[in-house]
Amino acid sequence: MGIYKGVSNENPPPVTAPTPVTYVVDTRTDRLGQVMDRHAGHLQLRPPQGGLEWDCPPGCTRPASEAEVRRARASARATEHKTESRWGL
């Protein structure tokens, strides 16, 4: 038997992958990311404020709470505002 009751390690239950543009938390690093795509069995996540994407196995994610998404969006807007102010936009 595997870690799931009544399920062998050879046939674990399927993991439902989040759809693109949803937010999830990478439980390995506790980082919030927006799902951009799925490639080679991994999710490609991007930080809410932009930046480099990283790969994460779907089984190492959890749905982001509404509060986490709101904080991330507010932080992204603040970063964007600072950049615009710096460049006089």
PDB file of N, CA and C in Angstrom:
ATOM      1  N   MET A   1       0.828  -1.189   0.000  1.00  0.00           N
ATOM      2  CA  MET A   1       0.000   0.000   0.000  1.00  0.00           C
ATOM      3  C   MET A   1       0.874   1.254   0.000  1.00  0.00           C
ATOM      4  N   GLY A   2       0.344   2.291  -0.588  1.00  0.00           N
ATOM      5  CA  GLY A   2       1.054   3.556  -0.646  1.00  0.00           C
ATOM      6  C   GLY A   2       0.613   4.488   0.468  1.00  0.00           C
ATOM      7  N   ILE A   3       0.887   5.752   0.268  1.00  0.00           N
ATOM      8  CA  ILE A   3       0.535   6.734   1.290  1.00  0.00           C
ATOM      9  C   ILE A   3      -0.955   7.036   1.299  1.00  0.00           C
ATOM     10  N   TYR A   4      -1.655   6.718   0.224  1.00  0.00           N
ATOM     11  CA  TYR A   4      -3.093   6.924   0.155  1.00  0.00           C
ATOM     12  C   TYR A   4      -3.788   5.629   0.537  1.00  0.00           C
ATOM     13  N   LYS A   5      -4.747   5.704   1.406  1.00  0.00           N
ATOM     14  CA  LYS A   5      -5.448   4.518   1.886  1.00  0.00           C
ATOM     15  C   LYS A   5      -6.084   3.778   0.707  1.00  0.00           C
ATOM     16  N   GLY A   6      -5.714   2.502   0.561  1.00  0.00           N
ATOM     17  CA  GLY A   6      -6.296   1.677  -0.483  1.00  0.00           C
ATOM     18  C   GLY A   6      -5.741   1.914  -1.871  1.00  0.00           C
ATOM     19  N   VAL A   7      -4.676   2.693  -1.980  1.00  0.00           N
ATOM     20  CA  VAL A   7      -4.094   2.998  -3.287  1.00  0.00           C
ATOM     21  C   VAL A   7      -2.628   2.619  -3.252  1.00  0.00           C
ATOM     22  N   SER A   8      -2.165   1.914  -4.266  1.00  0.00           N
ATOM     23  CA  SER A   8      -0.753   1.535  -4.313  1.00  0.00           C
ATOM     24  C   SER A   8       0.080   2.697  -4.831  1.00  0.00           C
ATOM     25  N   ASN A   9       1.386   2.662  -4.568  1.00  0.00           N
ATOM     26  CA  ASN A   9       2.284   3.700  -5.060  1.00  0.00           C
ATOM     27  C   ASN A   9       2.348   3.720  -6.576  1.00  0.00           C
ATOM     28  N   GLU A  10       2.066   2.589  -7.217  1.00  0.00           N
ATOM     29  CA  GLU A  10       2.135   2.524  -8.672  1.00  0.00           C
ATOM     30  C   GLU A  10       0.982   3.286  -9.326  1.00  0.00           C
ATOM     31  N   ASN A  11      -0.135   3.436  -8.628  1.00  0.00           N
ATOM     32  CA  ASN A  11      -1.307   4.108  -9.182  1.00  0.00           C
ATOM     33  C   ASN A  11      -1.860   5.144  -8.204  1.00  0.00           C
ATOM     34  N   PRO A  12      -1.108   6.237  -7.962  1.00  0.00           N
ATOM     35  CA  PRO A  12      -1.617   7.249  -7.037  1.00  0.00           C
ATOM     36  C   PRO A  12      -2.832   7.950  -7.637  1.00  0.00           C
ATOM     37  N   PRO A  13      -3.656   8.577  -6.808  1.00  0.00           N
ATOM     38  CA  PRO A  13      -4.816   9.279  -7.344  1.00  0.00           C
ATOM     39  C   PRO A  13      -4.370  10.434  -8.228  1.00  0.00           C
ATOM     40  N   PRO A  14      -5.142  10.764  -9.254  1.00  0.00           N
ATOM     41  CA  PRO A  14      -4.749  11.860 -10.138  1.00  0.00           C
ATOM     42  C   PRO A  14      -4.799  13.193  -9.403  1.00  0.00           C
ATOM     43  N   VAL A  15      -3.871  14.069  -9.763  1.00  0.00           N
ATOM     44  CA  VAL A  15      -3.840  15.407  -9.195  1.00  0.00           C
ATOM     45  C   VAL A  15      -4.483  16.334 -10.211  1.00  0.00           C
ATOM     46  N   THR A  16      -5.494  17.061  -9.796  1.00  0.00           N
ATOM     47  CA  THR A  16      -6.145  18.005 -10.692  1.00  0.00           C
ATOM     48  C   THR A  16      -5.262  19.235 -10.799  1.00  0.00           C
ATOM     49  N   ALA A  17      -4.809  19.522 -11.998  1.00  0.00           N
ATOM     50  CA  ALA A  17      -3.917  20.654 -12.205  1.00  0.00           C
ATOM     51  C   ALA A  17      -4.715  21.946 -12.304  1.00  0.00           C
ATOM     52  N   PRO A  18      -4.206  23.001 -11.703  1.00  0.00           N
ATOM     53  CA  PRO A  18      -4.864  24.299 -11.830  1.00  0.00           C
ATOM     54  C   PRO A  18      -4.834  24.769 -13.278  1.00  0.00           C
ATOM     55  N   THR A  19      -5.777  25.591 -13.634  1.00  0.00           N
ATOM     56  CA  THR A  19      -5.830  26.121 -14.994  1.00  0.00           C
ATOM     57  C   THR A  19      -4.975  27.378 -15.082  1.00  0.00           C
ATOM     58  N   PRO A  20      -4.513  27.719 -16.293  1.00  0.00           N
ATOM     59  CA  PRO A  20      -3.735  28.946 -16.449  1.00  0.00           C
ATOM     60  C   PRO A  20      -4.500  30.155 -15.924  1.00  0.00           C
ATOM     61  N   VAL A  21      -3.761  31.123 -15.480  1.00  0.00           N
ATOM     62  CA  VAL A  21      -4.161  32.403 -14.887  1.00  0.00           C
ATOM     63  C   VAL A  21      -4.706  32.286 -13.468  1.00  0.00           C
ATOM     64  N   THR A  22      -4.755  31.105 -12.898  1.00  0.00           N
ATOM     65  CA  THR A  22      -5.122  30.989 -11.493  1.00  0.00           C
ATOM     66  C   THR A  22      -3.856  31.130 -10.652  1.00  0.00           C
ATOM     67  N   TYR A  23      -4.041  31.444  -9.395  1.00  0.00           N
ATOM     68  CA  TYR A  23      -2.912  31.582  -8.484  1.00  0.00           C
ATOM     69  C   TYR A  23      -2.822  30.365  -7.583  1.00  0.00           C
ATOM     70  N   VAL A  24      -1.600  29.901  -7.385  1.00  0.00           N
ATOM     71  CA  VAL A  24      -1.335  28.781  -6.495  1.00  0.00           C
ATOM     72  C   VAL A  24      -0.117  29.123  -5.643  1.00  0.00           C
ATOM     73  N   VAL A  25       0.075  28.357  -4.590  1.00  0.00           N
ATOM     74  CA  VAL A  25       1.260  28.506  -3.743  1.00  0.00           C
ATOM     75  C   VAL A  25       2.117  27.263  -3.929  1.00  0.00           C
ATOM     76  N   ASP A  26       3.388  27.478  -4.252  1.00  0.00           N
ATOM     77  CA  ASP A  26       4.363  26.394  -4.348  1.00  0.00           C
ATOM     78  C   ASP A  26       4.696  26.004  -2.910  1.00  0.00           C
ATOM     79  N   THR A  27       4.246  24.838  -2.483  1.00  0.00           N
ATOM     80  CA  THR A  27       4.413  24.443  -1.084  1.00  0.00           C
ATOM     81  C   THR A  27       5.857  24.104  -0.734  1.00  0.00           C
ATOM     82  N   ARG A  28       6.713  23.934  -1.738  1.00  0.00           N
ATOM     83  CA  ARG A  28       8.133  23.675  -1.455  1.00  0.00           C
ATOM     84  C   ARG A  28       8.827  24.927  -0.961  1.00  0.00           C
ATOM     85  N   THR A  29       8.391  26.090  -1.476  1.00  0.00           N
ATOM     86  CA  THR A  29       9.061  27.353  -1.162  1.00  0.00           C
ATOM     87  C   THR A  29       8.131  28.379  -0.529  1.00  0.00           C
ATOM     88  N   ASP A  30       6.837  28.076  -0.483  1.00  0.00           N
ATOM     89  CA  ASP A  30       5.807  28.985   0.021  1.00  0.00           C
ATOM     90  C   ASP A  30       5.698  30.245  -0.834  1.00  0.00           C
ATOM     91  N   ARG A  31       6.028  30.142  -2.118  1.00  0.00           N
ATOM     92  CA  ARG A  31       5.919  31.270  -3.049  1.00  0.00           C
ATOM     93  C   ARG A  31       4.585  31.223  -3.773  1.00  0.00           C
ATOM     94  N   LEU A  32       3.994  32.391  -3.962  1.00  0.00           N
ATOM     95  CA  LEU A  32       2.762  32.524  -4.723  1.00  0.00           C
ATOM     96  C   LEU A  32       3.120  32.697  -6.187  1.00  0.00           C
ATOM     97  N   GLY A  33       2.407  32.015  -7.054  1.00  0.00           N
ATOM     98  CA  GLY A  33       2.658  32.146  -8.481  1.00  0.00           C
ATOM     99  C   GLY A  33       1.382  32.031  -9.284  1.00  0.00           C
ATOM    100  N   GLN A  34       1.380  32.694 -10.430  1.00  0.00           N
ATOM    101  CA  GLN A  34       0.264  32.596 -11.363  1.00  0.00           C
ATOM    102  C   GLN A  34       0.592  31.490 -12.354  1.00  0.00           C
ATOM    103  N   VAL A  35      -0.341  30.585 -12.548  1.00  0.00           N
ATOM    104  CA  VAL A  35      -0.124  29.488 -13.493  1.00  0.00           C
ATOM    105  C   VAL A  35      -0.143  30.070 -14.900  1.00  0.00           C
ATOM    106  N   MET A  36       0.962  29.872 -15.621  1.00  0.00           N
ATOM    107  CA  MET A  36       1.070  30.388 -16.979  1.00  0.00           C
ATOM    108  C   MET A  36       0.864  29.289 -18.016  1.00  0.00           C
ATOM    109  N   ASP A  37       1.346  28.099 -17.703  1.00  0.00           N
ATOM    110  CA  ASP A  37       1.285  26.997 -18.666  1.00  0.00           C
ATOM    111  C   ASP A  37       1.622  25.703 -17.939  1.00  0.00           C
ATOM    112  N   ARG A  38       1.562  24.636 -18.690  1.00  0.00           N
ATOM    113  CA  ARG A  38       1.947  23.319 -18.183  1.00  0.00           C
ATOM    114  C   ARG A  38       2.908  22.733 -19.216  1.00  0.00           C
ATOM    115  N   HIS A  39       4.062  22.240 -18.749  1.00  0.00           N
ATOM    116  CA  HIS A  39       5.061  21.704 -19.675  1.00  0.00           C
ATOM    117  C   HIS A  39       5.775  20.538 -19.008  1.00  0.00           C
ATOM    118  N   ALA A  40       5.856  19.432 -19.706  1.00  0.00           N
ATOM    119  CA  ALA A  40       6.569  18.238 -19.236  1.00  0.00           C
ATOM    120  C   ALA A  40       6.102  17.807 -17.842  1.00  0.00           C
ATOM    121  N   GLY A  41       4.800  17.902 -17.603  1.00  0.00           N
ATOM    122  CA  GLY A  41       4.255  17.455 -16.330  1.00  0.00           C
ATOM    123  C   GLY A  41       4.396  18.439 -15.186  1.00  0.00           C
ATOM    124  N   HIS A  42       4.957  19.604 -15.451  1.00  0.00           N
ATOM    125  CA  HIS A  42       5.125  20.624 -14.419  1.00  0.00           C
ATOM    126  C   HIS A  42       4.286  21.848 -14.765  1.00  0.00           C
ATOM    127  N   LEU A  43       3.928  22.592 -13.732  1.00  0.00           N
ATOM    128  CA  LEU A  43       3.276  23.877 -13.932  1.00  0.00           C
ATOM    129  C   LEU A  43       4.356  24.933 -14.065  1.00  0.00           C
ATOM    130  N   GLN A  44       4.129  25.890 -14.938  1.00  0.00           N
ATOM    131  CA  GLN A  44       5.031  27.026 -15.047  1.00  0.00           C
ATOM    132  C   GLN A  44       4.364  28.184 -14.323  1.00  0.00           C
ATOM    133  N   LEU A  45       5.016  28.647 -13.271  1.00  0.00           N
ATOM    134  CA  LEU A  45       4.470  29.691 -12.409  1.00  0.00           C
ATOM    135  C   LEU A  45       5.268  30.973 -12.567  1.00  0.00           C
ATOM    136  N   ARG A  46       4.565  32.101 -12.494  1.00  0.00           N
ATOM    137  CA  ARG A  46       5.215  33.410 -12.576  1.00  0.00           C
ATOM    138  C   ARG A  46       4.831  34.219 -11.346  1.00  0.00           C
ATOM    139  N   PRO A  47       5.793  34.924 -10.761  1.00  0.00           N
ATOM    140  CA  PRO A  47       5.462  35.778  -9.617  1.00  0.00           C
ATOM    141  C   PRO A  47       4.417  36.825 -10.026  1.00  0.00           C
ATOM    142  N   PRO A  48       3.520  37.225  -9.131  1.00  0.00           N
ATOM    143  CA  PRO A  48       2.470  38.187  -9.479  1.00  0.00           C
ATOM    144  C   PRO A  48       2.997  39.525  -9.981  1.00  0.00           C
ATOM    145  N   GLN A  49       4.165  39.946  -9.498  1.00  0.00           N
ATOM    146  CA  GLN A  49       4.728  41.221  -9.932  1.00  0.00           C
ATOM    147  C   GLN A  49       5.550  41.085 -11.208  1.00  0.00           C
ATOM    148  N   GLY A  50       5.521  39.908 -11.804  1.00  0.00           N
ATOM    149  CA  GLY A  50       6.288  39.652 -13.019  1.00  0.00           C
ATOM    150  C   GLY A  50       7.643  39.061 -12.666  1.00  0.00           C
ATOM    151  N   GLY A  51       8.371  38.703 -13.671  1.00  0.00           N
ATOM    152  CA  GLY A  51       9.686  38.121 -13.439  1.00  0.00           C
ATOM    153  C   GLY A  51       9.797  36.748 -14.056  1.00  0.00           C
ATOM    154  N   LEU A  52      10.841  36.046 -13.682  1.00  0.00           N
ATOM    155  CA  LEU A  52      11.115  34.739 -14.262  1.00  0.00           C
ATOM    156  C   LEU A  52      10.151  33.681 -13.749  1.00  0.00           C
ATOM    157  N   GLU A  53       9.693  32.863 -14.666  1.00  0.00           N
ATOM    158  CA  GLU A  53       8.836  31.742 -14.301  1.00  0.00           C
ATOM    159  C   GLU A  53       9.686  30.629 -13.700  1.00  0.00           C
ATOM    160  N   TRP A  54       9.042  29.777 -12.912  1.00  0.00           N
ATOM    161  CA  TRP A  54       9.713  28.592 -12.391  1.00  0.00           C
ATOM    162  C   TRP A  54       8.782  27.409 -12.555  1.00  0.00           C
ATOM    163  N   ASP A  55       9.367  26.224 -12.576  1.00  0.00           N
ATOM    164  CA  ASP A  55       8.602  24.989 -12.734  1.00  0.00           C
ATOM    165  C   ASP A  55       8.275  24.400 -11.372  1.00  0.00           C
ATOM    166  N   CYS A  56       7.081  23.832 -11.276  1.00  0.00           N
ATOM    167  CA  CYS A  56       6.640  23.229 -10.024  1.00  0.00           C
ATOM    168  C   CYS A  56       5.764  22.018 -10.335  1.00  0.00           C
ATOM    169  N   PRO A  57       6.024  20.882  -9.697  1.00  0.00           N
ATOM    170  CA  PRO A  57       5.134  19.737  -9.883  1.00  0.00           C
ATOM    171  C   PRO A  57       3.735  20.087  -9.360  1.00  0.00           C
ATOM    172  N   PRO A  58       2.682  19.698 -10.072  1.00  0.00           N
ATOM    173  CA  PRO A  58       1.323  20.025  -9.624  1.00  0.00           C
ATOM    174  C   PRO A  58       1.021  19.536  -8.207  1.00  0.00           C
ATOM    175  N   GLY A  59       1.619  18.426  -7.809  1.00  0.00           N
ATOM    176  CA  GLY A  59       1.377  17.895  -6.471  1.00  0.00           C
ATOM    177  C   GLY A  59       2.010  18.706  -5.362  1.00  0.00           C
ATOM    178  N   CYS A  60       2.834  19.675  -5.720  1.00  0.00           N
ATOM    179  CA  CYS A  60       3.500  20.533  -4.729  1.00  0.00           C
ATOM    180  C   CYS A  60       2.873  21.922  -4.698  1.00  0.00           C
ATOM    181  N   THR A  61       1.591  22.007  -5.056  1.00  0.00           N
ATOM    182  CA  THR A  61       0.898  23.288  -5.020  1.00  0.00           C
ATOM    183  C   THR A  61      -0.374  23.159  -4.197  1.00  0.00           C
ATOM    184  N   ARG A  62      -0.832  24.303  -3.754  1.00  0.00           N
ATOM    185  CA  ARG A  62      -2.149  24.398  -3.127  1.00  0.00           C
ATOM    186  C   ARG A  62      -2.802  25.661  -3.676  1.00  0.00           C
ATOM    187  N   PRO A  63      -4.129  25.701  -3.702  1.00  0.00           N
ATOM    188  CA  PRO A  63      -4.791  26.920  -4.174  1.00  0.00           C
ATOM    189  C   PRO A  63      -4.428  28.099  -3.274  1.00  0.00           C
ATOM    190  N   ALA A  64      -4.233  29.248  -3.878  1.00  0.00           N
ATOM    191  CA  ALA A  64      -3.960  30.458  -3.105  1.00  0.00           C
ATOM    192  C   ALA A  64      -5.266  30.973  -2.512  1.00  0.00           C
ATOM    193  N   SER A  65      -5.189  31.497  -1.309  1.00  0.00           N
ATOM    194  CA  SER A  65      -6.381  32.085  -0.687  1.00  0.00           C
ATOM    195  C   SER A  65      -6.665  33.440  -1.337  1.00  0.00           C
ATOM    196  N   GLU A  66      -7.895  33.911  -1.172  1.00  0.00           N
ATOM    197  CA  GLU A  66      -8.256  35.234  -1.702  1.00  0.00           C
ATOM    198  C   GLU A  66      -7.366  36.314  -1.100  1.00  0.00           C
ATOM    199  N   ALA A  67      -7.062  36.201   0.179  1.00  0.00           N
ATOM    200  CA  ALA A  67      -6.213  37.193   0.845  1.00  0.00           C
ATOM    201  C   ALA A  67      -4.809  37.204   0.237  1.00  0.00           C
ATOM    202  N   GLU A  68      -4.262  36.034  -0.051  1.00  0.00           N
ATOM    203  CA  GLU A  68      -2.930  35.961  -0.664  1.00  0.00           C
ATOM    204  C   GLU A  68      -2.935  36.605  -2.043  1.00  0.00           C
ATOM    205  N   VAL A  69      -3.979  36.369  -2.815  1.00  0.00           N
ATOM    206  CA  VAL A  69      -4.070  36.947  -4.161  1.00  0.00           C
ATOM    207  C   VAL A  69      -4.215  38.463  -4.069  1.00  0.00           C
ATOM    208  N   ARG A  70      -5.056  38.957  -3.163  1.00  0.00           N
ATOM    209  CA  ARG A  70      -5.232  40.409  -3.005  1.00  0.00           C
ATOM    210  C   ARG A  70      -3.919  41.084  -2.619  1.00  0.00           C
ATOM    211  N   ARG A  71      -3.193  40.492  -1.656  1.00  0.00           N
ATOM    212  CA  ARG A  71      -1.898  41.065  -1.242  1.00  0.00           C
ATOM    213  C   ARG A  71      -0.924  41.101  -2.412  1.00  0.00           C
ATOM    214  N   ALA A  72      -0.884  40.025  -3.181  1.00  0.00           N
ATOM    215  CA  ALA A  72       0.042  39.948  -4.310  1.00  0.00           C
ATOM    216  C   ALA A  72      -0.298  40.985  -5.372  1.00  0.00           C
ATOM    217  N   ARG A  73      -1.577  41.145  -5.655  1.00  0.00           N
ATOM    218  CA  ARG A  73      -1.984  42.137  -6.661  1.00  0.00           C
ATOM    219  C   ARG A  73      -1.673  43.551  -6.190  1.00  0.00           C
ATOM    220  N   ALA A  74      -1.901  43.828  -4.911  1.00  0.00           N
ATOM    221  CA  ALA A  74      -1.592  45.147  -4.362  1.00  0.00           C
ATOM    222  C   ALA A  74      -0.092  45.412  -4.443  1.00  0.00           C
ATOM    223  N   SER A  75       0.708  44.420  -4.129  1.00  0.00           N
ATOM    224  CA  SER A  75       2.162  44.555  -4.206  1.00  0.00           C
ATOM    225  C   SER A  75       2.608  44.787  -5.644  1.00  0.00           C
ATOM    226  N   ALA A  76       1.997  44.075  -6.586  1.00  0.00           N
ATOM    227  CA  ALA A  76       2.348  44.229  -8.001  1.00  0.00           C
ATOM    228  C   ALA A  76       1.998  45.637  -8.476  1.00  0.00           C
ATOM    229  N   ARG A  77       0.836  46.160  -8.055  1.00  0.00           N
ATOM    230  CA  ARG A  77       0.443  47.524  -8.445  1.00  0.00           C
ATOM    231  C   ARG A  77       1.412  48.546  -7.862  1.00  0.00           C
ATOM    232  N   ALA A  78       1.831  48.349  -6.618  1.00  0.00           N
ATOM    233  CA  ALA A  78       2.772  49.277  -5.985  1.00  0.00           C
ATOM    234  C   ALA A  78       4.108  49.268  -6.723  1.00  0.00           C
ATOM    235  N   THR A  79       4.561  48.089  -7.110  1.00  0.00           N
ATOM    236  CA  THR A  79       5.817  47.975  -7.857  1.00  0.00           C
ATOM    237  C   THR A  79       5.695  48.680  -9.198  1.00  0.00           C
ATOM    238  N   GLU A  80       4.568  48.491  -9.871  1.00  0.00           N
ATOM    239  CA  GLU A  80       4.342  49.134 -11.169  1.00  0.00           C
ATOM    240  C   GLU A  80       4.317  50.651 -11.010  1.00  0.00           C
ATOM    241  N   HIS A  81       3.668  51.143  -9.960  1.00  0.00           N
ATOM    242  CA  HIS A  81       3.587  52.580  -9.714  1.00  0.00           C
ATOM    243  C   HIS A  81       4.976  53.167  -9.464  1.00  0.00           C
ATOM    244  N   LYS A  82       5.805  52.487  -8.677  1.00  0.00           N
ATOM    245  CA  LYS A  82       7.169  52.961  -8.417  1.00  0.00           C
ATOM    246  C   LYS A  82       7.962  53.051  -9.709  1.00  0.00           C
ATOM    247  N   THR A  83       7.812  52.053 -10.566  1.00  0.00           N
ATOM    248  CA  THR A  83       8.534  52.039 -11.838  1.00  0.00           C
ATOM    249  C   THR A  83       8.083  53.194 -12.717  1.00  0.00           C
ATOM    250  N   GLU A  84       6.775  53.414 -12.795  1.00  0.00           N
ATOM    251  CA  GLU A  84       6.254  54.512 -13.611  1.00  0.00           C
ATOM    252  C   GLU A  84       6.723  55.853 -13.075  1.00  0.00           C
ATOM    253  N   SER A  85       6.725  56.021 -11.757  1.00  0.00           N
ATOM    254  CA  SER A  85       7.170  57.273 -11.152  1.00  0.00           C
ATOM    255  C   SER A  85       8.650  57.519 -11.434  1.00  0.00           C
ATOM    256  N   ARG A  86       9.425  56.464 -11.373  1.00  0.00           N
ATOM    257  CA  ARG A  86      10.862  56.575 -11.602  1.00  0.00           C
ATOM    258  C   ARG A  86      11.150  57.051 -13.023  1.00  0.00           C
ATOM    259  N   TRP A  87      10.341  56.597 -13.973  1.00  0.00           N
ATOM    260  CA  TRP A  87      10.565  56.942 -15.374  1.00  0.00           C
ATOM    261  C   TRP A  87       9.696  58.109 -15.834  1.00  0.00           C
ATOM    262  N   GLY A  88       8.952  58.714 -14.923  1.00  0.00           N
ATOM    263  CA  GLY A  88       8.141  59.875 -15.263  1.00  0.00           C
ATOM    264  C   GLY A  88       6.948  59.555 -16.142  1.00  0.00           C
ATOM    265  N   LEU A  89       6.414  58.352 -16.024  1.00  0.00           N
ATOM    266  CA  LEU A  89       5.255  57.966 -16.846  1.00  0.00           C
ATOM    267  C   LEU A  89       3.955  58.308 -16.166  1.00  0.00           C
TER     268      LEU A  89
END
